[in-house]
Amino acid sequence: MRDTPLRKALLAEALGTMLLLAIVIGSGIMAERLSGGNTAVALLANTAATVGGLYILIEVFGPISGAHFNPAVSMVMTLRGELPAKRATAYIVAQLLAATAGAALAHAMFDLPIQQVSTKIRAGQGQWIAEAVATAGLLLVILRAPAGKASAMVAAYIGAAYWFTASTSFANPAAAVGRMVSDTFAGIAPASVPGFIGAQLVGALIGWSLANALSPQPNKS
């Protein structure tokens, strides 16, 4: 992936992130419309679509860019020396811009106003702890997944984290930004975004530290 031309890698990251947000937001809109007011059923449908979509996107774009779709992942890959800082910066810009495009795409598909701002407050200590846990777990899964199994393991983990975390597991600063501009089932109010992103970045560092602690130590003899 280091050898992939930057332009091609950025296209993969942008397309993957845009489609991921379109899946998350679009399935949330559809789920809310069809669930008859049953929030549990809506969340279950939203989860299933996200799990399936995320698995496919990682499989499709992973060989090209690494399929980060997530600034926290790109940050940790830079700290590990696997992604040059300049390339990581370009990835993160592409991810953030594409996330907002994904929200707009979801709105367009459902004949909703393209430009929106969420009014859904997601704040408080429990939400922030949940985001730190969700992101730490995500990074731990990514870094410890056996070769060839990361796509399925990441998708399964995110599906589980939708349900065991109080925040429904954003675990991704780009997802928070994209969902901020969607006043739908999956939205998050702008005032809640800084707390989420801060918790996600802390969680990413915790996940990286745990992965390092669990990795085999080099033989010093």
N, C-alpha and C. Protein backbone atom coordinates (compact mmCIF):
# COMPACT_ATOMS: atom_id res chain seq x y z
N MET A 1 0.81 -1.21 0.00
CA MET A 1 0.00 0.00 0.00
C MET A 1 0.85 1.26 0.00
N ARG A 2 2.08 1.15 0.55
CA ARG A 2 2.99 2.29 0.46
C ARG A 2 3.33 2.58 -1.00
N ASP A 3 3.30 1.53 -1.83
CA ASP A 3 3.67 1.69 -3.23
C ASP A 3 2.52 2.18 -4.09
N THR A 4 1.31 2.19 -3.55
CA THR A 4 0.16 2.69 -4.31
C THR A 4 0.30 4.18 -4.54
N PRO A 5 0.15 4.66 -5.77
CA PRO A 5 0.21 6.11 -6.00
C PRO A 5 -0.75 6.84 -5.08
N LEU A 6 -0.32 7.98 -4.56
CA LEU A 6 -1.12 8.72 -3.58
C LEU A 6 -2.49 9.07 -4.14
N ARG A 7 -2.56 9.48 -5.39
CA ARG A 7 -3.85 9.85 -5.96
C ARG A 7 -4.83 8.68 -5.93
N LYS A 8 -4.35 7.49 -6.26
CA LYS A 8 -5.21 6.31 -6.25
C LYS A 8 -5.61 5.95 -4.82
N ALA A 9 -4.68 6.05 -3.89
CA ALA A 9 -4.98 5.74 -2.49
C ALA A 9 -6.01 6.71 -1.92
N LEU A 10 -5.88 7.99 -2.26
CA LEU A 10 -6.82 8.98 -1.77
C LEU A 10 -8.21 8.76 -2.36
N LEU A 11 -8.25 8.35 -3.62
CA LEU A 11 -9.55 8.05 -4.23
C LEU A 11 -10.21 6.89 -3.50
N ALA A 12 -9.43 5.87 -3.17
CA ALA A 12 -9.97 4.72 -2.44
C ALA A 12 -10.47 5.13 -1.06
N GLU A 13 -9.70 5.96 -0.35
CA GLU A 13 -10.12 6.40 0.98
C GLU A 13 -11.38 7.28 0.90
N ALA A 14 -11.42 8.14 -0.10
CA ALA A 14 -12.58 9.02 -0.24
C ALA A 14 -13.83 8.23 -0.61
N LEU A 15 -13.72 7.35 -1.58
CA LEU A 15 -14.87 6.55 -1.98
C LEU A 15 -15.34 5.66 -0.83
N GLY A 16 -14.39 5.02 -0.17
CA GLY A 16 -14.75 4.12 0.93
C GLY A 16 -15.43 4.85 2.07
N THR A 17 -14.89 6.01 2.44
CA THR A 17 -15.48 6.78 3.54
C THR A 17 -16.84 7.34 3.16
N MET A 18 -16.96 7.84 1.94
CA MET A 18 -18.24 8.36 1.48
C MET A 18 -19.31 7.27 1.50
N LEU A 19 -18.97 6.10 0.97
CA LEU A 19 -19.95 5.01 0.93
C LEU A 19 -20.27 4.50 2.34
N LEU A 20 -19.26 4.47 3.21
CA LEU A 20 -19.52 4.04 4.58
C LEU A 20 -20.53 4.95 5.26
N LEU A 21 -20.36 6.26 5.12
CA LEU A 21 -21.32 7.19 5.74
C LEU A 21 -22.68 7.11 5.06
N ALA A 22 -22.70 6.91 3.76
CA ALA A 22 -23.98 6.74 3.07
C ALA A 22 -24.70 5.50 3.58
N ILE A 23 -23.96 4.44 3.85
CA ILE A 23 -24.54 3.21 4.39
C ILE A 23 -25.08 3.44 5.79
N VAL A 24 -24.27 4.03 6.65
CA VAL A 24 -24.69 4.26 8.04
C VAL A 24 -25.91 5.17 8.11
N ILE A 25 -25.84 6.30 7.42
CA ILE A 25 -26.94 7.27 7.49
C ILE A 25 -28.15 6.79 6.70
N GLY A 26 -27.92 6.28 5.49
CA GLY A 26 -29.03 5.82 4.67
C GLY A 26 -29.80 4.67 5.30
N SER A 27 -29.07 3.71 5.87
CA SER A 27 -29.76 2.59 6.52
C SER A 27 -30.49 3.06 7.77
N GLY A 28 -29.96 4.09 8.44
CA GLY A 28 -30.66 4.66 9.59
C GLY A 28 -31.97 5.31 9.18
N ILE A 29 -31.95 6.02 8.05
CA ILE A 29 -33.18 6.65 7.55
C ILE A 29 -34.21 5.58 7.19
N MET A 30 -33.78 4.58 6.43
CA MET A 30 -34.68 3.50 6.03
C MET A 30 -35.22 2.75 7.25
N ALA A 31 -34.34 2.45 8.19
CA ALA A 31 -34.75 1.71 9.38
C ALA A 31 -35.79 2.48 10.18
N GLU A 32 -35.58 3.79 10.32
CA GLU A 32 -36.52 4.60 11.09
C GLU A 32 -37.88 4.66 10.39
N ARG A 33 -37.86 4.71 9.06
CA ARG A 33 -39.11 4.77 8.32
C ARG A 33 -39.91 3.48 8.42
N LEU A 34 -39.21 2.35 8.48
CA LEU A 34 -39.88 1.06 8.41
C LEU A 34 -40.14 0.42 9.77
N SER A 35 -39.53 0.95 10.82
CA SER A 35 -39.59 0.28 12.12
C SER A 35 -40.85 0.62 12.93
N GLY A 36 -41.64 1.54 12.45
CA GLY A 36 -42.87 1.90 13.15
C GLY A 36 -42.63 2.47 14.53
N GLY A 37 -41.53 3.17 14.71
CA GLY A 37 -41.24 3.79 15.99
C GLY A 37 -40.51 2.90 16.98
N ASN A 38 -40.20 1.67 16.58
CA ASN A 38 -39.47 0.75 17.45
C ASN A 38 -37.97 1.01 17.28
N THR A 39 -37.38 1.69 18.25
CA THR A 39 -35.97 2.08 18.13
C THR A 39 -35.04 0.89 18.11
N ALA A 40 -35.38 -0.16 18.84
CA ALA A 40 -34.53 -1.36 18.87
C ALA A 40 -34.47 -2.00 17.49
N VAL A 41 -35.62 -2.10 16.82
CA VAL A 41 -35.65 -2.68 15.48
C VAL A 41 -34.87 -1.80 14.51
N ALA A 42 -35.02 -0.49 14.65
CA ALA A 42 -34.29 0.44 13.78
C ALA A 42 -32.79 0.28 13.97
N LEU A 43 -32.35 0.18 15.22
CA LEU A 43 -30.91 0.03 15.47
C LEU A 43 -30.40 -1.31 14.95
N LEU A 44 -31.21 -2.36 15.07
CA LEU A 44 -30.81 -3.67 14.56
C LEU A 44 -30.61 -3.62 13.05
N ALA A 45 -31.54 -2.98 12.34
CA ALA A 45 -31.41 -2.86 10.89
C ALA A 45 -30.21 -2.01 10.51
N ASN A 46 -30.00 -0.91 11.23
CA ASN A 46 -28.85 -0.04 11.00
C ASN A 46 -27.55 -0.80 11.22
N THR A 47 -27.51 -1.62 12.25
CA THR A 47 -26.33 -2.42 12.55
C THR A 47 -26.04 -3.41 11.44
N ALA A 48 -27.07 -4.15 11.00
CA ALA A 48 -26.87 -5.17 9.98
C ALA A 48 -26.33 -4.57 8.68
N ALA A 49 -26.89 -3.43 8.28
CA ALA A 49 -26.42 -2.78 7.06
C ALA A 49 -24.97 -2.31 7.20
N THR A 50 -24.64 -1.77 8.36
CA THR A 50 -23.28 -1.28 8.59
C THR A 50 -22.27 -2.43 8.58
N VAL A 51 -22.60 -3.53 9.23
CA VAL A 51 -21.69 -4.68 9.26
C VAL A 51 -21.42 -5.20 7.85
N GLY A 52 -22.48 -5.41 7.09
CA GLY A 52 -22.30 -5.91 5.73
C GLY A 52 -21.55 -4.94 4.85
N GLY A 53 -21.94 -3.66 4.93
CA GLY A 53 -21.28 -2.66 4.09
C GLY A 53 -19.82 -2.47 4.44
N LEU A 54 -19.52 -2.44 5.73
CA LEU A 54 -18.13 -2.23 6.15
C LEU A 54 -17.24 -3.38 5.69
N TYR A 55 -17.73 -4.60 5.82
CA TYR A 55 -16.95 -5.77 5.37
C TYR A 55 -16.62 -5.64 3.88
N ILE A 56 -17.62 -5.33 3.07
CA ILE A 56 -17.40 -5.22 1.63
C ILE A 56 -16.43 -4.09 1.30
N LEU A 57 -16.60 -2.94 1.94
CA LEU A 57 -15.73 -1.80 1.65
C LEU A 57 -14.27 -2.09 1.99
N ILE A 58 -14.03 -2.77 3.11
CA ILE A 58 -12.66 -3.12 3.48
C ILE A 58 -12.06 -4.09 2.47
N GLU A 59 -12.86 -5.06 2.04
CA GLU A 59 -12.38 -6.02 1.05
C GLU A 59 -12.04 -5.34 -0.28
N VAL A 60 -12.87 -4.40 -0.68
CA VAL A 60 -12.68 -3.74 -1.97
C VAL A 60 -11.51 -2.77 -1.96
N PHE A 61 -11.44 -1.94 -0.92
CA PHE A 61 -10.46 -0.86 -0.92
C PHE A 61 -9.20 -1.15 -0.10
N GLY A 62 -9.24 -2.20 0.72
CA GLY A 62 -8.09 -2.53 1.54
C GLY A 62 -6.79 -2.70 0.77
N PRO A 63 -6.80 -3.45 -0.34
CA PRO A 63 -5.54 -3.64 -1.09
C PRO A 63 -4.99 -2.37 -1.71
N ILE A 64 -5.82 -1.33 -1.81
CA ILE A 64 -5.39 -0.09 -2.46
C ILE A 64 -4.84 0.92 -1.45
N SER A 65 -5.62 1.18 -0.39
CA SER A 65 -5.23 2.23 0.56
C SER A 65 -5.07 1.74 2.00
N GLY A 66 -5.45 0.49 2.25
CA GLY A 66 -5.49 0.00 3.62
C GLY A 66 -6.88 0.10 4.21
N ALA A 67 -7.79 0.79 3.50
CA ALA A 67 -9.19 0.92 3.92
C ALA A 67 -9.30 1.44 5.35
N HIS A 68 -8.65 2.57 5.62
CA HIS A 68 -8.75 3.16 6.95
C HIS A 68 -10.14 3.76 7.18
N PHE A 69 -10.57 4.66 6.29
CA PHE A 69 -11.84 5.37 6.39
C PHE A 69 -12.01 6.05 7.74
N ASN A 70 -10.91 6.34 8.42
CA ASN A 70 -10.98 6.73 9.82
C ASN A 70 -9.70 7.46 10.22
N PRO A 71 -9.77 8.74 10.57
CA PRO A 71 -8.57 9.47 10.96
C PRO A 71 -7.83 8.86 12.14
N ALA A 72 -8.55 8.24 13.07
CA ALA A 72 -7.89 7.62 14.23
C ALA A 72 -7.01 6.46 13.79
N VAL A 73 -7.48 5.70 12.81
CA VAL A 73 -6.69 4.59 12.28
C VAL A 73 -5.45 5.12 11.55
N SER A 74 -5.64 6.13 10.72
CA SER A 74 -4.50 6.71 9.99
C SER A 74 -3.47 7.28 10.96
N MET A 75 -3.93 7.91 12.04
CA MET A 75 -3.02 8.45 13.05
C MET A 75 -2.17 7.35 13.68
N VAL A 76 -2.81 6.26 14.05
CA VAL A 76 -2.07 5.17 14.69
C VAL A 76 -1.11 4.50 13.71
N MET A 77 -1.52 4.36 12.47
CA MET A 77 -0.62 3.77 11.47
C MET A 77 0.61 4.63 11.26
N THR A 78 0.45 5.95 11.40
CA THR A 78 1.61 6.84 11.32
C THR A 78 2.51 6.66 12.54
N LEU A 79 1.92 6.56 13.72
CA LEU A 79 2.71 6.34 14.93
C LEU A 79 3.47 5.02 14.87
N ARG A 80 2.92 4.04 14.19
CA ARG A 80 3.58 2.74 14.03
C ARG A 80 4.64 2.75 12.94
N GLY A 81 4.76 3.85 12.22
CA GLY A 81 5.74 3.94 11.15
C GLY A 81 5.30 3.27 9.87
N GLU A 82 4.00 2.96 9.74
CA GLU A 82 3.49 2.26 8.56
C GLU A 82 2.88 3.21 7.54
N LEU A 83 2.69 4.47 7.91
CA LEU A 83 2.09 5.45 7.01
C LEU A 83 2.81 6.78 7.20
N PRO A 84 3.50 7.29 6.17
CA PRO A 84 4.19 8.57 6.31
C PRO A 84 3.24 9.68 6.73
N ALA A 85 3.75 10.61 7.52
CA ALA A 85 2.90 11.67 8.07
C ALA A 85 2.20 12.48 6.98
N LYS A 86 2.91 12.81 5.90
CA LYS A 86 2.29 13.60 4.83
C LYS A 86 1.15 12.82 4.18
N ARG A 87 1.37 11.54 3.99
CA ARG A 87 0.33 10.70 3.39
C ARG A 87 -0.86 10.59 4.34
N ALA A 88 -0.58 10.46 5.64
CA ALA A 88 -1.65 10.37 6.63
C ALA A 88 -2.49 11.64 6.64
N THR A 89 -1.83 12.80 6.56
CA THR A 89 -2.55 14.07 6.53
C THR A 89 -3.50 14.13 5.34
N ALA A 90 -3.01 13.69 4.18
CA ALA A 90 -3.85 13.67 2.98
C ALA A 90 -5.02 12.70 3.16
N TYR A 91 -4.75 11.54 3.75
CA TYR A 91 -5.81 10.57 4.03
C TYR A 91 -6.90 11.21 4.89
N ILE A 92 -6.48 11.88 5.97
CA ILE A 92 -7.44 12.43 6.93
C ILE A 92 -8.31 13.52 6.29
N VAL A 93 -7.69 14.37 5.49
CA VAL A 93 -8.47 15.40 4.79
C VAL A 93 -9.50 14.75 3.87
N ALA A 94 -9.05 13.74 3.12
CA ALA A 94 -9.96 13.03 2.21
C ALA A 94 -11.10 12.37 2.97
N GLN A 95 -10.79 11.76 4.10
CA GLN A 95 -11.80 11.08 4.92
C GLN A 95 -12.85 12.05 5.44
N LEU A 96 -12.41 13.19 5.94
CA LEU A 96 -13.34 14.16 6.52
C LEU A 96 -14.25 14.76 5.45
N LEU A 97 -13.68 15.12 4.31
CA LEU A 97 -14.49 15.68 3.23
C LEU A 97 -15.46 14.65 2.69
N ALA A 98 -14.97 13.42 2.52
CA ALA A 98 -15.81 12.36 1.97
C ALA A 98 -16.95 11.99 2.91
N ALA A 99 -16.71 12.10 4.21
CA ALA A 99 -17.77 11.78 5.18
C ALA A 99 -18.96 12.71 5.01
N THR A 100 -18.70 13.99 4.81
CA THR A 100 -19.80 14.93 4.60
C THR A 100 -20.48 14.67 3.26
N ALA A 101 -19.70 14.26 2.27
CA ALA A 101 -20.29 13.91 0.97
C ALA A 101 -21.19 12.68 1.10
N GLY A 102 -20.78 11.74 1.94
CA GLY A 102 -21.60 10.55 2.16
C GLY A 102 -22.94 10.88 2.79
N ALA A 103 -22.93 11.83 3.72
CA ALA A 103 -24.18 12.27 4.33
C ALA A 103 -25.09 12.90 3.29
N ALA A 104 -24.51 13.76 2.46
CA ALA A 104 -25.30 14.41 1.41
C ALA A 104 -25.87 13.39 0.43
N LEU A 105 -25.09 12.37 0.11
CA LEU A 105 -25.55 11.32 -0.80
C LEU A 105 -26.74 10.57 -0.21
N ALA A 106 -26.67 10.25 1.07
CA ALA A 106 -27.78 9.56 1.73
C ALA A 106 -29.04 10.42 1.70
N HIS A 107 -28.89 11.70 1.98
CA HIS A 107 -30.05 12.61 1.95
C HIS A 107 -30.66 12.66 0.56
N ALA A 108 -29.80 12.73 -0.46
CA ALA A 108 -30.30 12.81 -1.83
C ALA A 108 -31.08 11.56 -2.21
N MET A 109 -30.61 10.39 -1.79
CA MET A 109 -31.28 9.15 -2.13
C MET A 109 -32.67 9.05 -1.50
N PHE A 110 -32.85 9.72 -0.36
CA PHE A 110 -34.14 9.65 0.33
C PHE A 110 -34.95 10.94 0.20
N ASP A 111 -34.57 11.76 -0.79
CA ASP A 111 -35.31 13.01 -1.07
C ASP A 111 -35.43 13.91 0.15
N LEU A 112 -34.36 13.99 0.91
CA LEU A 112 -34.30 14.88 2.07
C LEU A 112 -33.46 16.10 1.72
N PRO A 113 -33.59 17.19 2.48
CA PRO A 113 -32.72 18.35 2.23
C PRO A 113 -31.24 17.93 2.29
N ILE A 114 -30.48 18.34 1.31
CA ILE A 114 -29.07 17.92 1.22
C ILE A 114 -28.27 18.48 2.40
N GLN A 115 -28.45 19.75 2.69
CA GLN A 115 -27.70 20.39 3.77
C GLN A 115 -28.52 20.34 5.06
N GLN A 116 -27.94 19.70 6.05
CA GLN A 116 -28.61 19.57 7.34
C GLN A 116 -27.58 19.74 8.46
N VAL A 117 -28.09 20.00 9.65
CA VAL A 117 -27.26 20.01 10.85
C VAL A 117 -28.03 19.23 11.91
N SER A 118 -27.40 18.25 12.50
CA SER A 118 -28.08 17.39 13.46
C SER A 118 -28.44 18.15 14.73
N THR A 119 -29.56 17.77 15.33
CA THR A 119 -29.97 18.33 16.61
C THR A 119 -29.91 17.28 17.72
N LYS A 120 -29.36 16.11 17.41
CA LYS A 120 -29.36 15.00 18.38
C LYS A 120 -28.15 15.13 19.32
N ILE A 121 -28.41 15.49 20.55
CA ILE A 121 -27.34 15.64 21.55
C ILE A 121 -26.88 14.26 22.01
N ARG A 122 -25.58 14.05 21.97
CA ARG A 122 -24.97 12.82 22.47
C ARG A 122 -23.80 13.26 23.35
N ALA A 123 -24.05 13.40 24.62
CA ALA A 123 -23.03 13.96 25.51
C ALA A 123 -23.06 13.27 26.86
N GLY A 124 -22.00 13.50 27.62
CA GLY A 124 -21.94 12.96 28.97
C GLY A 124 -20.81 11.95 29.13
N GLN A 125 -20.44 11.72 30.36
CA GLN A 125 -19.30 10.86 30.66
C GLN A 125 -19.47 9.45 30.09
N GLY A 126 -20.67 8.89 30.21
CA GLY A 126 -20.89 7.55 29.70
C GLY A 126 -20.67 7.45 28.20
N GLN A 127 -21.13 8.47 27.46
CA GLN A 127 -20.94 8.49 26.01
C GLN A 127 -19.45 8.56 25.65
N TRP A 128 -18.71 9.38 26.38
CA TRP A 128 -17.29 9.54 26.07
C TRP A 128 -16.50 8.28 26.42
N ILE A 129 -16.83 7.67 27.55
CA ILE A 129 -16.17 6.41 27.90
C ILE A 129 -16.49 5.36 26.84
N ALA A 130 -17.75 5.33 26.40
CA ALA A 130 -18.15 4.36 25.38
C ALA A 130 -17.35 4.56 24.09
N GLU A 131 -17.16 5.80 23.68
CA GLU A 131 -16.40 6.05 22.45
C GLU A 131 -14.93 5.67 22.61
N ALA A 132 -14.37 5.93 23.78
CA ALA A 132 -12.98 5.52 24.01
C ALA A 132 -12.86 4.00 23.96
N VAL A 133 -13.80 3.30 24.59
CA VAL A 133 -13.78 1.83 24.58
C VAL A 133 -13.97 1.31 23.16
N ALA A 134 -14.94 1.87 22.44
CA ALA A 134 -15.22 1.41 21.08
C ALA A 134 -14.01 1.59 20.18
N THR A 135 -13.35 2.74 20.28
CA THR A 135 -12.21 3.01 19.40
C THR A 135 -10.99 2.20 19.81
N ALA A 136 -10.78 2.04 21.11
CA ALA A 136 -9.67 1.20 21.57
C ALA A 136 -9.85 -0.23 21.07
N GLY A 137 -11.05 -0.75 21.18
CA GLY A 137 -11.31 -2.09 20.71
C GLY A 137 -11.11 -2.22 19.21
N LEU A 138 -11.56 -1.21 18.47
CA LEU A 138 -11.39 -1.24 17.02
C LEU A 138 -9.92 -1.31 16.64
N LEU A 139 -9.10 -0.45 17.24
CA LEU A 139 -7.67 -0.46 16.92
C LEU A 139 -7.02 -1.76 17.35
N LEU A 140 -7.43 -2.29 18.48
CA LEU A 140 -6.87 -3.57 18.93
C LEU A 140 -7.20 -4.68 17.94
N VAL A 141 -8.43 -4.70 17.45
CA VAL A 141 -8.82 -5.71 16.46
C VAL A 141 -8.02 -5.53 15.17
N ILE A 142 -7.91 -4.31 14.70
CA ILE A 142 -7.17 -4.06 13.46
C ILE A 142 -5.72 -4.52 13.58
N LEU A 143 -5.09 -4.17 14.69
CA LEU A 143 -3.66 -4.44 14.84
C LEU A 143 -3.35 -5.89 15.21
N ARG A 144 -4.32 -6.60 15.77
CA ARG A 144 -4.07 -7.98 16.20
C ARG A 144 -4.76 -9.02 15.33
N ALA A 145 -5.53 -8.59 14.32
CA ALA A 145 -6.24 -9.54 13.47
C ALA A 145 -5.25 -10.38 12.66
N PRO A 146 -5.46 -11.69 12.59
CA PRO A 146 -4.61 -12.54 11.74
C PRO A 146 -4.71 -12.10 10.29
N ALA A 147 -3.70 -12.39 9.53
CA ALA A 147 -3.66 -12.00 8.12
C ALA A 147 -4.89 -12.52 7.38
N GLY A 148 -5.51 -11.63 6.62
CA GLY A 148 -6.65 -12.00 5.81
C GLY A 148 -7.99 -12.01 6.53
N LYS A 149 -7.98 -11.74 7.83
CA LYS A 149 -9.22 -11.81 8.59
C LYS A 149 -9.69 -10.45 9.13
N ALA A 150 -8.95 -9.40 8.85
CA ALA A 150 -9.28 -8.09 9.43
C ALA A 150 -10.64 -7.59 9.00
N SER A 151 -11.00 -7.75 7.73
CA SER A 151 -12.27 -7.20 7.26
C SER A 151 -13.45 -7.80 8.00
N ALA A 152 -13.48 -9.11 8.15
CA ALA A 152 -14.59 -9.75 8.85
C ALA A 152 -14.57 -9.41 10.34
N MET A 153 -13.38 -9.38 10.93
CA MET A 153 -13.28 -9.12 12.37
C MET A 153 -13.66 -7.68 12.70
N VAL A 154 -13.22 -6.73 11.88
CA VAL A 154 -13.57 -5.33 12.11
C VAL A 154 -15.08 -5.12 11.97
N ALA A 155 -15.67 -5.69 10.91
CA ALA A 155 -17.10 -5.54 10.71
C ALA A 155 -17.88 -6.16 11.87
N ALA A 156 -17.47 -7.34 12.31
CA ALA A 156 -18.16 -8.01 13.42
C ALA A 156 -18.02 -7.21 14.71
N TYR A 157 -16.83 -6.68 14.95
CA TYR A 157 -16.62 -5.90 16.17
C TYR A 157 -17.50 -4.65 16.19
N ILE A 158 -17.54 -3.94 15.07
CA ILE A 158 -18.35 -2.72 15.01
C ILE A 158 -19.83 -3.07 15.21
N GLY A 159 -20.26 -4.18 14.63
CA GLY A 159 -21.65 -4.61 14.83
C GLY A 159 -21.96 -4.87 16.29
N ALA A 160 -21.03 -5.54 16.97
CA ALA A 160 -21.22 -5.80 18.40
C ALA A 160 -21.20 -4.51 19.20
N ALA A 161 -20.28 -3.61 18.84
CA ALA A 161 -20.12 -2.37 19.60
C ALA A 161 -21.30 -1.42 19.43
N TYR A 162 -22.06 -1.56 18.34
CA TYR A 162 -23.30 -0.81 18.21
C TYR A 162 -24.21 -1.06 19.42
N TRP A 163 -24.09 -2.27 19.97
CA TRP A 163 -25.02 -2.69 21.02
C TRP A 163 -24.44 -2.66 22.42
N PHE A 164 -23.13 -2.87 22.57
CA PHE A 164 -22.60 -2.92 23.94
C PHE A 164 -22.05 -1.58 24.41
N THR A 165 -22.02 -0.56 23.53
CA THR A 165 -21.56 0.76 23.96
C THR A 165 -22.75 1.72 24.01
N ALA A 166 -22.71 2.64 24.96
CA ALA A 166 -23.80 3.60 25.13
C ALA A 166 -23.90 4.57 23.96
N SER A 167 -22.81 4.74 23.24
CA SER A 167 -22.76 5.71 22.14
C SER A 167 -23.13 5.10 20.79
N THR A 168 -23.39 3.81 20.74
CA THR A 168 -23.59 3.03 19.51
C THR A 168 -22.36 3.05 18.61
N SER A 169 -21.21 3.23 19.22
CA SER A 169 -19.92 3.01 18.55
C SER A 169 -19.71 3.76 17.25
N PHE A 170 -19.47 5.07 17.34
CA PHE A 170 -18.99 5.80 16.17
C PHE A 170 -17.56 5.35 15.88
N ALA A 171 -16.69 5.45 16.90
CA ALA A 171 -15.30 4.97 16.83
C ALA A 171 -14.52 5.54 15.66
N ASN A 172 -14.88 6.76 15.23
CA ASN A 172 -14.30 7.29 13.99
C ASN A 172 -14.59 8.79 13.92
N PRO A 173 -13.55 9.64 13.98
CA PRO A 173 -13.79 11.08 13.89
C PRO A 173 -14.47 11.50 12.59
N ALA A 174 -14.16 10.83 11.48
CA ALA A 174 -14.81 11.17 10.22
C ALA A 174 -16.30 10.85 10.27
N ALA A 175 -16.65 9.74 10.92
CA ALA A 175 -18.06 9.39 11.07
C ALA A 175 -18.78 10.43 11.90
N ALA A 176 -18.13 10.94 12.94
CA ALA A 176 -18.74 11.98 13.77
C ALA A 176 -18.99 13.24 12.96
N VAL A 177 -18.03 13.62 12.13
CA VAL A 177 -18.19 14.82 11.30
C VAL A 177 -19.29 14.62 10.28
N GLY A 178 -19.31 13.46 9.61
CA GLY A 178 -20.34 13.20 8.62
C GLY A 178 -21.73 13.14 9.22
N ARG A 179 -21.85 12.52 10.37
CA ARG A 179 -23.16 12.38 11.01
C ARG A 179 -23.63 13.69 11.64
N MET A 180 -22.69 14.61 11.84
CA MET A 180 -23.02 15.94 12.37
C MET A 180 -23.88 16.72 11.38
N VAL A 181 -23.70 16.45 10.09
CA VAL A 181 -24.44 17.20 9.07
C VAL A 181 -25.62 16.37 8.54
N SER A 182 -26.18 15.53 9.42
CA SER A 182 -27.36 14.76 9.07
C SER A 182 -28.32 14.74 10.25
N ASP A 183 -29.44 15.41 10.12
CA ASP A 183 -30.42 15.45 11.21
C ASP A 183 -31.38 14.27 11.06
N THR A 184 -30.80 13.06 11.17
CA THR A 184 -31.54 11.82 10.98
C THR A 184 -31.24 10.88 12.14
N PHE A 185 -31.68 9.64 12.01
CA PHE A 185 -31.51 8.63 13.05
C PHE A 185 -30.06 8.52 13.54
N ALA A 186 -29.11 8.62 12.62
CA ALA A 186 -27.70 8.42 12.96
C ALA A 186 -26.97 9.71 13.31
N GLY A 187 -27.66 10.82 13.41
CA GLY A 187 -26.99 12.11 13.57
C GLY A 187 -26.40 12.34 14.95
N ILE A 188 -25.56 13.39 15.02
CA ILE A 188 -24.98 13.86 16.27
C ILE A 188 -24.86 15.37 16.19
N ALA A 189 -25.30 16.07 17.21
CA ALA A 189 -25.27 17.53 17.21
C ALA A 189 -23.82 18.05 17.21
N PRO A 190 -23.56 19.16 16.53
CA PRO A 190 -22.20 19.71 16.48
C PRO A 190 -21.58 19.90 17.86
N ALA A 191 -22.37 20.31 18.84
CA ALA A 191 -21.84 20.54 20.18
C ALA A 191 -21.32 19.27 20.82
N SER A 192 -21.80 18.12 20.36
CA SER A 192 -21.37 16.84 20.93
C SER A 192 -20.14 16.27 20.25
N VAL A 193 -19.80 16.79 19.08
CA VAL A 193 -18.72 16.20 18.28
C VAL A 193 -17.34 16.33 18.93
N PRO A 194 -16.94 17.50 19.47
CA PRO A 194 -15.60 17.57 20.07
C PRO A 194 -15.36 16.54 21.16
N GLY A 195 -16.34 16.31 22.02
CA GLY A 195 -16.18 15.30 23.06
C GLY A 195 -16.00 13.92 22.48
N PHE A 196 -16.77 13.60 21.43
CA PHE A 196 -16.65 12.30 20.78
C PHE A 196 -15.28 12.13 20.15
N ILE A 197 -14.82 13.14 19.42
CA ILE A 197 -13.53 13.02 18.74
C ILE A 197 -12.40 12.91 19.75
N GLY A 198 -12.44 13.70 20.81
CA GLY A 198 -11.41 13.60 21.84
C GLY A 198 -11.36 12.21 22.44
N ALA A 199 -12.54 11.64 22.75
CA ALA A 199 -12.59 10.30 23.33
C ALA A 199 -12.09 9.26 22.33
N GLN A 200 -12.42 9.44 21.06
CA GLN A 200 -11.96 8.50 20.03
C GLN A 200 -10.44 8.50 19.89
N LEU A 201 -9.84 9.66 19.92
CA LEU A 201 -8.39 9.74 19.79
C LEU A 201 -7.68 9.13 21.00
N VAL A 202 -8.23 9.39 22.18
CA VAL A 202 -7.68 8.75 23.38
C VAL A 202 -7.83 7.24 23.28
N GLY A 203 -9.00 6.80 22.86
CA GLY A 203 -9.23 5.36 22.70
C GLY A 203 -8.30 4.73 21.69
N ALA A 204 -8.03 5.43 20.60
CA ALA A 204 -7.10 4.90 19.59
C ALA A 204 -5.71 4.69 20.18
N LEU A 205 -5.25 5.63 20.97
CA LEU A 205 -3.93 5.50 21.61
C LEU A 205 -3.92 4.35 22.61
N ILE A 206 -5.03 4.16 23.32
CA ILE A 206 -5.12 3.02 24.25
C ILE A 206 -5.09 1.71 23.48
N GLY A 207 -5.84 1.63 22.39
CA GLY A 207 -5.83 0.42 21.58
C GLY A 207 -4.46 0.09 21.03
N TRP A 208 -3.75 1.13 20.57
CA TRP A 208 -2.39 0.95 20.06
C TRP A 208 -1.47 0.45 21.17
N SER A 209 -1.58 1.03 22.35
CA SER A 209 -0.75 0.61 23.49
C SER A 209 -1.03 -0.84 23.88
N LEU A 210 -2.29 -1.22 23.88
CA LEU A 210 -2.65 -2.59 24.23
C LEU A 210 -2.12 -3.57 23.18
N ALA A 211 -2.22 -3.19 21.93
CA ALA A 211 -1.69 -4.06 20.87
C ALA A 211 -0.19 -4.24 21.02
N ASN A 212 0.51 -3.17 21.36
CA ASN A 212 1.96 -3.27 21.58
C ASN A 212 2.26 -4.17 22.76
N ALA A 213 1.48 -4.06 23.83
CA ALA A 213 1.71 -4.86 25.02
C ALA A 213 1.49 -6.35 24.75
N LEU A 214 0.60 -6.64 23.82
CA LEU A 214 0.27 -8.04 23.52
C LEU A 214 1.15 -8.64 22.44
N SER A 215 1.90 -7.79 21.75
CA SER A 215 2.75 -8.29 20.65
C SER A 215 3.96 -9.03 21.21
N PRO A 216 4.43 -10.05 20.49
CA PRO A 216 5.63 -10.77 20.94
C PRO A 216 6.83 -9.82 21.04
N GLN A 217 7.57 -9.97 22.11
CA GLN A 217 8.76 -9.13 22.31
C GLN A 217 9.94 -9.70 21.54
N PRO A 218 10.77 -8.84 20.94
CA PRO A 218 11.93 -9.33 20.20
C PRO A 218 12.90 -10.05 21.15
N ASN A 219 13.51 -11.08 20.62
CA ASN A 219 14.48 -11.85 21.41
C ASN A 219 15.77 -11.04 21.54
N LYS A 220 16.11 -10.73 22.79
CA LYS A 220 17.32 -9.88 23.02
C LYS A 220 18.58 -10.71 23.23
N SER A 221 18.43 -12.01 23.20
CA SER A 221 19.63 -12.84 23.45
C SER A 221 20.55 -12.87 22.23
